[in-house]
Amino acid sequence: MSTETVDPRFVDLDRWPTALAVEAMLEGQLAAVAAIKSQTGAIAAACDAAAPRLLRGGRLVYAGAGTSGRIAVQDGVELYPTYNWPRDRLVFLLAGGTDALAESAEGAEDDADAARAGVVAEGVGADDIVIGVAASGRTPFTVAVVEAARGAGALTIGVANNPDSVLLAAADHAIVADTGSEPVAGSTRMKAGTAQKVVLNLLSTALMLRCGLVYRGLMVNMRVSNDKLAHRATAIVCQTAQVGEAAANAALSAADQDIKLAVLLAKGWQADVARAALARHHNNLRAALEAGDRHA
């Protein structure tokens, strides 16, 4: 596996001046991001296949082990505060369980039976999207999750750093970030981990776009949970509805801090009509506005 090989350029990295070592590692990080360029089409295809299932109420299921599992969880947990993605529509199947987030449970990555049991216990089914992440592309736990989930009818996406790996073959959609050898051999928290994080950022953000949680580049489905976000919500309503702060705050109060509903109210929509329009259009603000049924 390329992620495990020693790069001869870095065999004496520990003897280099620190500034040179840091510069070399940074170059590796930049190369890791560049390795994703060829995968934008694959990421988009996975997103377009996944979005309709999510709009039907499906869940996002992240699976992984070790560093890859922790990176997968990091991507998923950010969706609730950023886009108000429902927490009950997020599932994490992590080798070793959630304890493995803070403490190493490397042996758990070989437990394929636990992976299959997790898929059954979580009731993974046809509307769910399962994203398996493994630098090697052959981690038994992650591969077993993807195989079991696909057998249950879920849409599966494999993210790996080694091409032609079993995880990529097992998934409906394969995304490979071929980052090659690491400055520190086998330390996939470096180049491989960076590439995984970028892939997952792109994929999950694209999914939020297709699910209508972004309008004109703004997080209109944001969860308003503190003063900073309250000010941001006011600014979003002001900008989107073209109203002043007082009108925006009044609309947000009437909408119980639901930004999309507040935009419609600030534009003069009746509350019941606005709620019905959003419900009819899968809570998509753009679709509701473009349908032009404010007087329905």
C-alpha atoms as a PDB file:
ATOM      1  CA  MET A   1       0.000   0.000   0.000  1.00  0.00           C
ATOM      2  CA  SER A   2       1.367   3.379  -0.971  1.00  0.00           C
ATOM      3  CA  THR A   3       0.267   4.945   2.333  1.00  0.00           C
ATOM      4  CA  GLU A   4       2.515   2.504   4.219  1.00  0.00           C
ATOM      5  CA  THR A   5       5.678   2.772   2.148  1.00  0.00           C
ATOM      6  CA  VAL A   6       8.737   4.750   3.180  1.00  0.00           C
ATOM      7  CA  ASP A   7       9.505   7.726   0.965  1.00  0.00           C
ATOM      8  CA  PRO A   8      13.294   7.751   0.494  1.00  0.00           C
ATOM      9  CA  ARG A   9      13.264  11.538   0.481  1.00  0.00           C
ATOM     10  CA  PHE A  10      12.272  11.581   4.141  1.00  0.00           C
ATOM     11  CA  VAL A  11      14.303   8.763   5.684  1.00  0.00           C
ATOM     12  CA  ASP A  12      16.404  11.302   7.615  1.00  0.00           C
ATOM     13  CA  LEU A  13      13.525  13.687   8.356  1.00  0.00           C
ATOM     14  CA  ASP A  14      14.233  13.470  12.080  1.00  0.00           C
ATOM     15  CA  ARG A  15      17.703  14.918  11.464  1.00  0.00           C
ATOM     16  CA  TRP A  16      16.579  17.848   9.337  1.00  0.00           C
ATOM     17  CA  PRO A  17      16.435  21.396  10.737  1.00  0.00           C
ATOM     18  CA  THR A  18      12.937  21.899  12.102  1.00  0.00           C
ATOM     19  CA  ALA A  19      12.089  24.665   9.637  1.00  0.00           C
ATOM     20  CA  LEU A  20      12.958  22.429   6.688  1.00  0.00           C
ATOM     21  CA  ALA A  21      11.014  19.502   8.143  1.00  0.00           C
ATOM     22  CA  VAL A  22       7.922  21.664   8.656  1.00  0.00           C
ATOM     23  CA  GLU A  23       8.216  23.065   5.135  1.00  0.00           C
ATOM     24  CA  ALA A  24       8.477  19.568   3.666  1.00  0.00           C
ATOM     25  CA  MET A  25       5.464  18.371   5.643  1.00  0.00           C
ATOM     26  CA  LEU A  26       3.473  21.387   4.483  1.00  0.00           C
ATOM     27  CA  GLU A  27       4.321  20.557   0.883  1.00  0.00           C
ATOM     28  CA  GLY A  28       2.939  17.096   1.549  1.00  0.00           C
ATOM     29  CA  GLN A  29      -0.293  18.586   2.847  1.00  0.00           C
ATOM     30  CA  LEU A  30      -0.669  20.721  -0.268  1.00  0.00           C
ATOM     31  CA  ALA A  31      -0.029  17.689  -2.448  1.00  0.00           C
ATOM     32  CA  ALA A  32      -2.681  15.792  -0.517  1.00  0.00           C
ATOM     33  CA  VAL A  33      -5.295  18.410  -1.380  1.00  0.00           C
ATOM     34  CA  ALA A  34      -4.157  18.463  -5.015  1.00  0.00           C
ATOM     35  CA  ALA A  35      -4.669  14.693  -5.185  1.00  0.00           C
ATOM     36  CA  ILE A  36      -8.419  15.244  -4.814  1.00  0.00           C
ATOM     37  CA  LYS A  37      -8.719  17.314  -8.005  1.00  0.00           C
ATOM     38  CA  SER A  38      -9.355  14.233 -10.117  1.00  0.00           C
ATOM     39  CA  GLN A  39     -12.193  13.152  -7.816  1.00  0.00           C
ATOM     40  CA  THR A  40     -14.547  16.108  -8.062  1.00  0.00           C
ATOM     41  CA  GLY A  41     -16.728  14.267 -10.574  1.00  0.00           C
ATOM     42  CA  ALA A  42     -16.900  11.198  -8.332  1.00  0.00           C
ATOM     43  CA  ILE A  43     -17.801  13.343  -5.328  1.00  0.00           C
ATOM     44  CA  ALA A  44     -20.533  15.122  -7.302  1.00  0.00           C
ATOM     45  CA  ALA A  45     -21.947  11.826  -8.600  1.00  0.00           C
ATOM     46  CA  ALA A  46     -22.081  10.395  -5.076  1.00  0.00           C
ATOM     47  CA  CYS A  47     -23.821  13.541  -3.857  1.00  0.00           C
ATOM     48  CA  ASP A  48     -26.414  13.528  -6.639  1.00  0.00           C
ATOM     49  CA  ALA A  49     -27.215   9.878  -5.945  1.00  0.00           C
ATOM     50  CA  ALA A  50     -27.441  10.443  -2.196  1.00  0.00           C
ATOM     51  CA  ALA A  51     -29.479  13.652  -2.022  1.00  0.00           C
ATOM     52  CA  PRO A  52     -32.852  12.182  -3.113  1.00  0.00           C
ATOM     53  CA  ARG A  53     -32.628   9.571  -0.363  1.00  0.00           C
ATOM     54  CA  LEU A  54     -31.862  12.211   2.227  1.00  0.00           C
ATOM     55  CA  LEU A  55     -34.799  14.291   1.019  1.00  0.00           C
ATOM     56  CA  ARG A  56     -36.977  11.239   1.689  1.00  0.00           C
ATOM     57  CA  GLY A  57     -35.815  11.260   5.295  1.00  0.00           C
ATOM     58  CA  GLY A  58     -32.734   9.056   5.064  1.00  0.00           C
ATOM     59  CA  ARG A  59     -29.780   9.234   7.417  1.00  0.00           C
ATOM     60  CA  LEU A  60     -26.078   9.889   7.010  1.00  0.00           C
ATOM     61  CA  VAL A  61     -24.045   7.002   8.413  1.00  0.00           C
ATOM     62  CA  TYR A  62     -20.307   7.474   8.879  1.00  0.00           C
ATOM     63  CA  ALA A  63     -18.103   4.410   9.352  1.00  0.00           C
ATOM     64  CA  GLY A  64     -14.423   3.999  10.031  1.00  0.00           C
ATOM     65  CA  ALA A  65     -11.650   2.908  12.367  1.00  0.00           C
ATOM     66  CA  GLY A  66      -8.716   4.688  13.980  1.00  0.00           C
ATOM     67  CA  THR A  67      -7.674   7.977  12.420  1.00  0.00           C
ATOM     68  CA  SER A  68     -10.062   7.557   9.494  1.00  0.00           C
ATOM     69  CA  GLY A  69     -12.973   6.912  11.853  1.00  0.00           C
ATOM     70  CA  ARG A  70     -12.210   9.977  13.932  1.00  0.00           C
ATOM     71  CA  ILE A  71     -11.999  12.146  10.811  1.00  0.00           C
ATOM     72  CA  ALA A  72     -15.346  10.751   9.636  1.00  0.00           C
ATOM     73  CA  VAL A  73     -16.985  11.524  12.978  1.00  0.00           C
ATOM     74  CA  GLN A  74     -15.544  15.036  12.940  1.00  0.00           C
ATOM     75  CA  ASP A  75     -17.216  15.725   9.615  1.00  0.00           C
ATOM     76  CA  GLY A  76     -20.562  14.385  10.758  1.00  0.00           C
ATOM     77  CA  VAL A  77     -20.793  16.119  14.125  1.00  0.00           C
ATOM     78  CA  GLU A  78     -20.270  19.508  12.481  1.00  0.00           C
ATOM     79  CA  LEU A  79     -23.464  19.186  10.435  1.00  0.00           C
ATOM     80  CA  TYR A  80     -25.831  19.758  13.361  1.00  0.00           C
ATOM     81  CA  PRO A  81     -24.419  23.101  14.563  1.00  0.00           C
ATOM     82  CA  THR A  82     -23.605  24.327  11.048  1.00  0.00           C
ATOM     83  CA  TYR A  83     -26.673  23.276   9.082  1.00  0.00           C
ATOM     84  CA  ASN A  84     -29.032  22.122  11.832  1.00  0.00           C
ATOM     85  CA  TRP A  85     -28.947  18.655  10.309  1.00  0.00           C
ATOM     86  CA  PRO A  86     -31.072  16.523  12.686  1.00  0.00           C
ATOM     87  CA  ARG A  87     -28.966  14.587  15.148  1.00  0.00           C
ATOM     88  CA  ASP A  88     -31.313  11.619  14.875  1.00  0.00           C
ATOM     89  CA  ARG A  89     -30.386  11.432  11.190  1.00  0.00           C
ATOM     90  CA  LEU A  90     -26.687  10.987  11.937  1.00  0.00           C
ATOM     91  CA  VAL A  91     -25.221   7.574  12.763  1.00  0.00           C
ATOM     92  CA  PHE A  92     -21.602   6.810  13.630  1.00  0.00           C
ATOM     93  CA  LEU A  93     -20.311   3.267  13.301  1.00  0.00           C
ATOM     94  CA  LEU A  94     -16.833   3.533  14.767  1.00  0.00           C
ATOM     95  CA  ALA A  95     -14.601   0.528  15.424  1.00  0.00           C
ATOM     96  CA  GLY A  96     -14.345   0.275  19.186  1.00  0.00           C
ATOM     97  CA  GLY A  97     -17.348   2.560  19.721  1.00  0.00           C
ATOM     98  CA  THR A  98     -17.275   6.195  20.767  1.00  0.00           C
ATOM     99  CA  ASP A  99     -14.557   5.467  23.334  1.00  0.00           C
ATOM    100  CA  ALA A 100     -12.210   5.103  20.363  1.00  0.00           C
ATOM    101  CA  LEU A 101     -12.542   8.831  19.692  1.00  0.00           C
ATOM    102  CA  ALA A 102     -10.252   9.615  22.614  1.00  0.00           C
ATOM    103  CA  GLU A 103      -8.410   6.348  23.179  1.00  0.00           C
ATOM    104  CA  SER A 104      -6.828   4.049  20.646  1.00  0.00           C
ATOM    105  CA  ALA A 105      -8.790   0.880  19.904  1.00  0.00           C
ATOM    106  CA  GLU A 106      -6.776  -0.263  16.919  1.00  0.00           C
ATOM    107  CA  GLY A 107      -7.575  -3.971  17.376  1.00  0.00           C
ATOM    108  CA  ALA A 108     -11.257  -3.210  16.881  1.00  0.00           C
ATOM    109  CA  GLU A 109     -10.627  -2.434  13.217  1.00  0.00           C
ATOM    110  CA  ASP A 110     -10.433  -6.173  12.499  1.00  0.00           C
ATOM    111  CA  ASP A 111     -13.838  -6.962  14.029  1.00  0.00           C
ATOM    112  CA  ALA A 112     -16.049  -7.443  10.974  1.00  0.00           C
ATOM    113  CA  ASP A 113     -18.727  -9.160  13.068  1.00  0.00           C
ATOM    114  CA  ALA A 114     -19.113  -6.037  15.224  1.00  0.00           C
ATOM    115  CA  ALA A 115     -19.438  -3.977  12.047  1.00  0.00           C
ATOM    116  CA  ARG A 116     -22.235  -6.137  10.681  1.00  0.00           C
ATOM    117  CA  ALA A 117     -23.963  -6.142  14.063  1.00  0.00           C
ATOM    118  CA  GLY A 118     -23.816  -2.348  14.131  1.00  0.00           C
ATOM    119  CA  VAL A 119     -25.504  -2.092  10.747  1.00  0.00           C
ATOM    120  CA  VAL A 120     -28.317  -4.336  11.974  1.00  0.00           C
ATOM    121  CA  ALA A 121     -28.635  -2.591  15.346  1.00  0.00           C
ATOM    122  CA  GLU A 122     -28.948   0.823  13.697  1.00  0.00           C
ATOM    123  CA  GLY A 123     -31.529  -0.480  11.238  1.00  0.00           C
ATOM    124  CA  VAL A 124     -29.604   0.793   8.218  1.00  0.00           C
ATOM    125  CA  GLY A 125     -31.887   0.644   5.197  1.00  0.00           C
ATOM    126  CA  ALA A 126     -32.779   1.828   1.740  1.00  0.00           C
ATOM    127  CA  ASP A 127     -32.939   5.587   2.345  1.00  0.00           C
ATOM    128  CA  ASP A 128     -29.671   5.737   4.282  1.00  0.00           C
ATOM    129  CA  ILE A 129     -26.294   6.901   2.985  1.00  0.00           C
ATOM    130  CA  VAL A 130     -23.289   5.029   4.377  1.00  0.00           C
ATOM    131  CA  ILE A 131     -19.864   6.645   4.029  1.00  0.00           C
ATOM    132  CA  GLY A 132     -16.977   4.308   4.814  1.00  0.00           C
ATOM    133  CA  VAL A 133     -13.547   5.873   5.245  1.00  0.00           C
ATOM    134  CA  ALA A 134     -10.254   3.951   5.365  1.00  0.00           C
ATOM    135  CA  ALA A 135      -6.818   5.124   4.281  1.00  0.00           C
ATOM    136  CA  SER A 136      -5.743   1.605   3.360  1.00  0.00           C
ATOM    137  CA  GLY A 137      -9.066   0.795   1.737  1.00  0.00           C
ATOM    138  CA  ARG A 138      -9.011  -2.650   3.304  1.00  0.00           C
ATOM    139  CA  THR A 139      -9.875  -2.155   7.003  1.00  0.00           C
ATOM    140  CA  PRO A 140     -12.089  -5.187   7.827  1.00  0.00           C
ATOM    141  CA  PHE A 141     -14.495  -3.230  10.084  1.00  0.00           C
ATOM    142  CA  THR A 142     -15.129  -0.496   7.525  1.00  0.00           C
ATOM    143  CA  VAL A 143     -15.394  -2.866   4.572  1.00  0.00           C
ATOM    144  CA  ALA A 144     -17.875  -5.030   6.495  1.00  0.00           C
ATOM    145  CA  VAL A 145     -20.049  -2.012   7.315  1.00  0.00           C
ATOM    146  CA  VAL A 146     -20.174  -0.989   3.653  1.00  0.00           C
ATOM    147  CA  GLU A 147     -20.880  -4.515   2.440  1.00  0.00           C
ATOM    148  CA  ALA A 148     -23.633  -5.099   5.011  1.00  0.00           C
ATOM    149  CA  ALA A 149     -25.195  -1.691   4.391  1.00  0.00           C
ATOM    150  CA  ARG A 150     -25.210  -2.206   0.635  1.00  0.00           C
ATOM    151  CA  GLY A 151     -26.831  -5.586   1.174  1.00  0.00           C
ATOM    152  CA  ALA A 152     -29.528  -3.826   3.217  1.00  0.00           C
ATOM    153  CA  GLY A 153     -30.249  -1.477   0.304  1.00  0.00           C
ATOM    154  CA  ALA A 154     -28.387   1.609   1.536  1.00  0.00           C
ATOM    155  CA  LEU A 155     -26.400   3.790  -0.850  1.00  0.00           C
ATOM    156  CA  THR A 156     -22.731   3.299  -0.023  1.00  0.00           C
ATOM    157  CA  ILE A 157     -19.755   5.591  -0.574  1.00  0.00           C
ATOM    158  CA  GLY A 158     -16.171   4.457  -0.069  1.00  0.00           C
ATOM    159  CA  VAL A 159     -13.357   6.931   0.617  1.00  0.00           C
ATOM    160  CA  ALA A 160      -9.808   5.526   0.501  1.00  0.00           C
ATOM    161  CA  ASN A 161      -6.245   6.625  -0.182  1.00  0.00           C
ATOM    162  CA  ASN A 162      -5.136   3.501  -2.014  1.00  0.00           C
ATOM    163  CA  PRO A 163      -6.608   2.829  -5.478  1.00  0.00           C
ATOM    164  CA  ASP A 164      -8.016  -0.564  -6.453  1.00  0.00           C
ATOM    165  CA  SER A 165      -8.764  -1.410  -2.813  1.00  0.00           C
ATOM    166  CA  VAL A 166     -11.527  -3.669  -1.508  1.00  0.00           C
ATOM    167  CA  LEU A 167     -13.458  -0.804   0.119  1.00  0.00           C
ATOM    168  CA  LEU A 168     -13.715   1.064  -3.155  1.00  0.00           C
ATOM    169  CA  ALA A 169     -14.872  -2.099  -4.941  1.00  0.00           C
ATOM    170  CA  ALA A 170     -17.468  -2.790  -2.241  1.00  0.00           C
ATOM    171  CA  ALA A 171     -19.104   0.663  -2.397  1.00  0.00           C
ATOM    172  CA  ASP A 172     -21.659   1.991  -4.888  1.00  0.00           C
ATOM    173  CA  HIS A 173     -19.531   5.116  -5.263  1.00  0.00           C
ATOM    174  CA  ALA A 174     -15.750   5.132  -4.928  1.00  0.00           C
ATOM    175  CA  ILE A 175     -13.711   8.213  -4.080  1.00  0.00           C
ATOM    176  CA  VAL A 176      -9.944   7.729  -4.047  1.00  0.00           C
ATOM    177  CA  ALA A 177      -7.436  10.314  -2.873  1.00  0.00           C
ATOM    178  CA  ASP A 178      -4.165   8.737  -3.959  1.00  0.00           C
ATOM    179  CA  THR A 179      -1.847  10.613  -1.607  1.00  0.00           C
ATOM    180  CA  GLY A 180       1.058   8.162  -1.788  1.00  0.00           C
ATOM    181  CA  SER A 181       3.654   7.668   0.905  1.00  0.00           C
ATOM    182  CA  GLU A 182       3.778   9.842   4.003  1.00  0.00           C
ATOM    183  CA  PRO A 183       6.646  11.950   5.369  1.00  0.00           C
ATOM    184  CA  VAL A 184       6.380   9.702   8.423  1.00  0.00           C
ATOM    185  CA  ALA A 185       5.729   6.226   7.046  1.00  0.00           C
ATOM    186  CA  GLY A 186       2.303   4.876   7.928  1.00  0.00           C
ATOM    187  CA  SER A 187       1.152   8.038   9.720  1.00  0.00           C
ATOM    188  CA  THR A 188      -2.097   8.426   7.845  1.00  0.00           C
ATOM    189  CA  ARG A 189      -3.060  11.344  10.054  1.00  0.00           C
ATOM    190  CA  MET A 190      -0.831  13.343   7.726  1.00  0.00           C
ATOM    191  CA  LYS A 191      -1.435  13.443   3.954  1.00  0.00           C
ATOM    192  CA  ALA A 192      -4.075  10.720   3.865  1.00  0.00           C
ATOM    193  CA  GLY A 193      -6.010  12.245   6.756  1.00  0.00           C
ATOM    194  CA  THR A 194      -5.917  15.719   5.238  1.00  0.00           C
ATOM    195  CA  ALA A 195      -7.257  14.400   1.945  1.00  0.00           C
ATOM    196  CA  GLN A 196     -10.018  12.468   3.716  1.00  0.00           C
ATOM    197  CA  LYS A 197     -11.102  15.568   5.622  1.00  0.00           C
ATOM    198  CA  VAL A 198     -11.261  17.635   2.441  1.00  0.00           C
ATOM    199  CA  VAL A 199     -13.208  14.924   0.578  1.00  0.00           C
ATOM    200  CA  LEU A 200     -15.728  14.661   3.407  1.00  0.00           C
ATOM    201  CA  ASN A 201     -16.032  18.450   3.660  1.00  0.00           C
ATOM    202  CA  LEU A 202     -16.784  18.659  -0.050  1.00  0.00           C
ATOM    203  CA  LEU A 203     -19.211  15.747  -0.008  1.00  0.00           C
ATOM    204  CA  SER A 204     -21.205  16.752   3.060  1.00  0.00           C
ATOM    205  CA  THR A 205     -21.361  20.415   2.050  1.00  0.00           C
ATOM    206  CA  ALA A 206     -22.527  19.442  -1.438  1.00  0.00           C
ATOM    207  CA  LEU A 207     -25.219  17.315   0.192  1.00  0.00           C
ATOM    208  CA  MET A 208     -26.358  20.284   2.270  1.00  0.00           C
ATOM    209  CA  LEU A 209     -26.553  22.331  -0.955  1.00  0.00           C
ATOM    210  CA  ARG A 210     -28.687  19.697  -2.696  1.00  0.00           C
ATOM    211  CA  CYS A 211     -30.930  19.381   0.372  1.00  0.00           C
ATOM    212  CA  GLY A 212     -31.681  23.112   0.207  1.00  0.00           C
ATOM    213  CA  LEU A 213     -29.908  24.109   3.400  1.00  0.00           C
ATOM    214  CA  VAL A 214     -27.927  26.883   1.690  1.00  0.00           C
ATOM    215  CA  TYR A 215     -29.428  29.876  -0.142  1.00  0.00           C
ATOM    216  CA  ARG A 216     -27.338  32.431  -2.022  1.00  0.00           C
ATOM    217  CA  GLY A 217     -24.223  31.230  -0.223  1.00  0.00           C
ATOM    218  CA  LEU A 218     -25.789  31.654   3.220  1.00  0.00           C
ATOM    219  CA  MET A 219     -26.438  29.035   5.917  1.00  0.00           C
ATOM    220  CA  VAL A 220     -30.191  29.560   6.038  1.00  0.00           C
ATOM    221  CA  ASN A 221     -30.766  26.367   8.013  1.00  0.00           C
ATOM    222  CA  MET A 222     -28.230  27.304  10.685  1.00  0.00           C
ATOM    223  CA  ARG A 223     -29.079  26.484  14.282  1.00  0.00           C
ATOM    224  CA  VAL A 224     -29.266  29.756  16.246  1.00  0.00           C
ATOM    225  CA  SER A 225     -27.694  28.727  19.546  1.00  0.00           C
ATOM    226  CA  ASN A 226     -25.746  31.743  20.847  1.00  0.00           C
ATOM    227  CA  ASP A 227     -25.459  35.515  20.548  1.00  0.00           C
ATOM    228  CA  LYS A 228     -22.942  35.365  17.703  1.00  0.00           C
ATOM    229  CA  LEU A 229     -25.228  33.132  15.653  1.00  0.00           C
ATOM    230  CA  ALA A 230     -28.243  35.258  16.540  1.00  0.00           C
ATOM    231  CA  HIS A 231     -26.489  38.279  15.030  1.00  0.00           C
ATOM    232  CA  ARG A 232     -25.579  36.200  11.994  1.00  0.00           C
ATOM    233  CA  ALA A 233     -29.201  35.068  11.607  1.00  0.00           C
ATOM    234  CA  THR A 234     -30.366  38.677  11.698  1.00  0.00           C
ATOM    235  CA  ALA A 235     -27.832  39.601   9.033  1.00  0.00           C
ATOM    236  CA  ILE A 236     -28.952  36.699   6.842  1.00  0.00           C
ATOM    237  CA  VAL A 237     -32.605  37.739   7.037  1.00  0.00           C
ATOM    238  CA  CYS A 238     -31.678  41.384   6.397  1.00  0.00           C
ATOM    239  CA  GLN A 239     -29.644  40.474   3.333  1.00  0.00           C
ATOM    240  CA  THR A 240     -32.012  37.872   1.935  1.00  0.00           C
ATOM    241  CA  ALA A 241     -35.306  39.650   2.534  1.00  0.00           C
ATOM    242  CA  GLN A 242     -33.898  43.166   2.006  1.00  0.00           C
ATOM    243  CA  VAL A 243     -35.257  44.485   5.297  1.00  0.00           C
ATOM    244  CA  GLY A 244     -33.827  46.342   8.285  1.00  0.00           C
ATOM    245  CA  GLU A 245     -32.658  44.805  11.555  1.00  0.00           C
ATOM    246  CA  ALA A 246     -35.871  45.519  13.415  1.00  0.00           C
ATOM    247  CA  ALA A 247     -37.986  43.773  10.781  1.00  0.00           C
ATOM    248  CA  ALA A 248     -35.532  40.881  10.594  1.00  0.00           C
ATOM    249  CA  ASN A 249     -35.546  40.358  14.352  1.00  0.00           C
ATOM    250  CA  ALA A 250     -39.338  40.541  14.454  1.00  0.00           C
ATOM    251  CA  ALA A 251     -39.572  37.920  11.724  1.00  0.00           C
ATOM    252  CA  LEU A 252     -37.067  35.660  13.488  1.00  0.00           C
ATOM    253  CA  SER A 253     -39.037  35.948  16.724  1.00  0.00           C
ATOM    254  CA  ALA A 254     -42.279  35.091  14.956  1.00  0.00           C
ATOM    255  CA  ALA A 255     -40.551  32.169  13.223  1.00  0.00           C
ATOM    256  CA  ASP A 256     -39.055  30.841  16.470  1.00  0.00           C
ATOM    257  CA  GLN A 257     -35.563  31.488  15.033  1.00  0.00           C
ATOM    258  CA  ASP A 258     -36.214  29.464  11.873  1.00  0.00           C
ATOM    259  CA  ILE A 259     -34.237  31.544   9.368  1.00  0.00           C
ATOM    260  CA  LYS A 260     -35.949  30.295   6.216  1.00  0.00           C
ATOM    261  CA  LEU A 261     -39.400  30.876   7.634  1.00  0.00           C
ATOM    262  CA  ALA A 262     -38.270  34.274   8.921  1.00  0.00           C
ATOM    263  CA  VAL A 263     -37.137  35.287   5.419  1.00  0.00           C
ATOM    264  CA  LEU A 264     -40.569  34.524   4.015  1.00  0.00           C
ATOM    265  CA  LEU A 265     -42.302  36.347   6.857  1.00  0.00           C
ATOM    266  CA  ALA A 266     -40.034  39.355   6.393  1.00  0.00           C
ATOM    267  CA  LYS A 267     -40.998  39.360   2.717  1.00  0.00           C
ATOM    268  CA  GLY A 268     -44.638  39.657   3.721  1.00  0.00           C
ATOM    269  CA  TRP A 269     -45.804  36.052   3.491  1.00  0.00           C
ATOM    270  CA  GLN A 270     -48.548  34.876   5.807  1.00  0.00           C
ATOM    271  CA  ALA A 271     -47.212  32.424   8.372  1.00  0.00           C
ATOM    272  CA  ASP A 272     -49.446  29.496   7.420  1.00  0.00           C
ATOM    273  CA  VAL A 273     -48.741  29.975   3.713  1.00  0.00           C
ATOM    274  CA  ALA A 274     -44.984  30.226   4.333  1.00  0.00           C
ATOM    275  CA  ARG A 275     -44.923  27.058   6.443  1.00  0.00           C
ATOM    276  CA  ALA A 276     -46.959  25.163   3.869  1.00  0.00           C
ATOM    277  CA  ALA A 277     -44.705  26.306   1.020  1.00  0.00           C
ATOM    278  CA  LEU A 278     -41.559  25.206   2.840  1.00  0.00           C
ATOM    279  CA  ALA A 279     -43.112  21.858   3.692  1.00  0.00           C
ATOM    280  CA  ARG A 280     -44.215  21.374   0.091  1.00  0.00           C
ATOM    281  CA  HIS A 281     -40.685  22.071  -1.173  1.00  0.00           C
ATOM    282  CA  HIS A 282     -38.722  19.905   1.287  1.00  0.00           C
ATOM    283  CA  ASN A 283     -37.881  22.965   3.398  1.00  0.00           C
ATOM    284  CA  ASN A 284     -36.001  24.482   0.447  1.00  0.00           C
ATOM    285  CA  LEU A 285     -36.157  28.277   0.615  1.00  0.00           C
ATOM    286  CA  ARG A 286     -35.123  28.849  -2.998  1.00  0.00           C
ATOM    287  CA  ALA A 287     -37.730  26.421  -4.280  1.00  0.00           C
ATOM    288  CA  ALA A 288     -40.436  28.060  -2.176  1.00  0.00           C
ATOM    289  CA  LEU A 289     -39.496  31.518  -3.403  1.00  0.00           C
ATOM    290  CA  GLU A 290     -39.228  30.500  -7.036  1.00  0.00           C
ATOM    291  CA  ALA A 291     -42.595  28.725  -6.933  1.00  0.00           C
ATOM    292  CA  GLY A 292     -44.135  32.114  -6.195  1.00  0.00           C
ATOM    293  CA  ASP A 293     -47.065  30.738  -4.211  1.00  0.00           C
ATOM    294  CA  ARG A 294     -47.056  33.257  -1.367  1.00  0.00           C
ATOM    295  CA  HIS A 295     -50.760  33.891  -1.900  1.00  0.00           C
ATOM    296  CA  ALA A 296     -51.705  30.215  -2.087  1.00  0.00           C
END
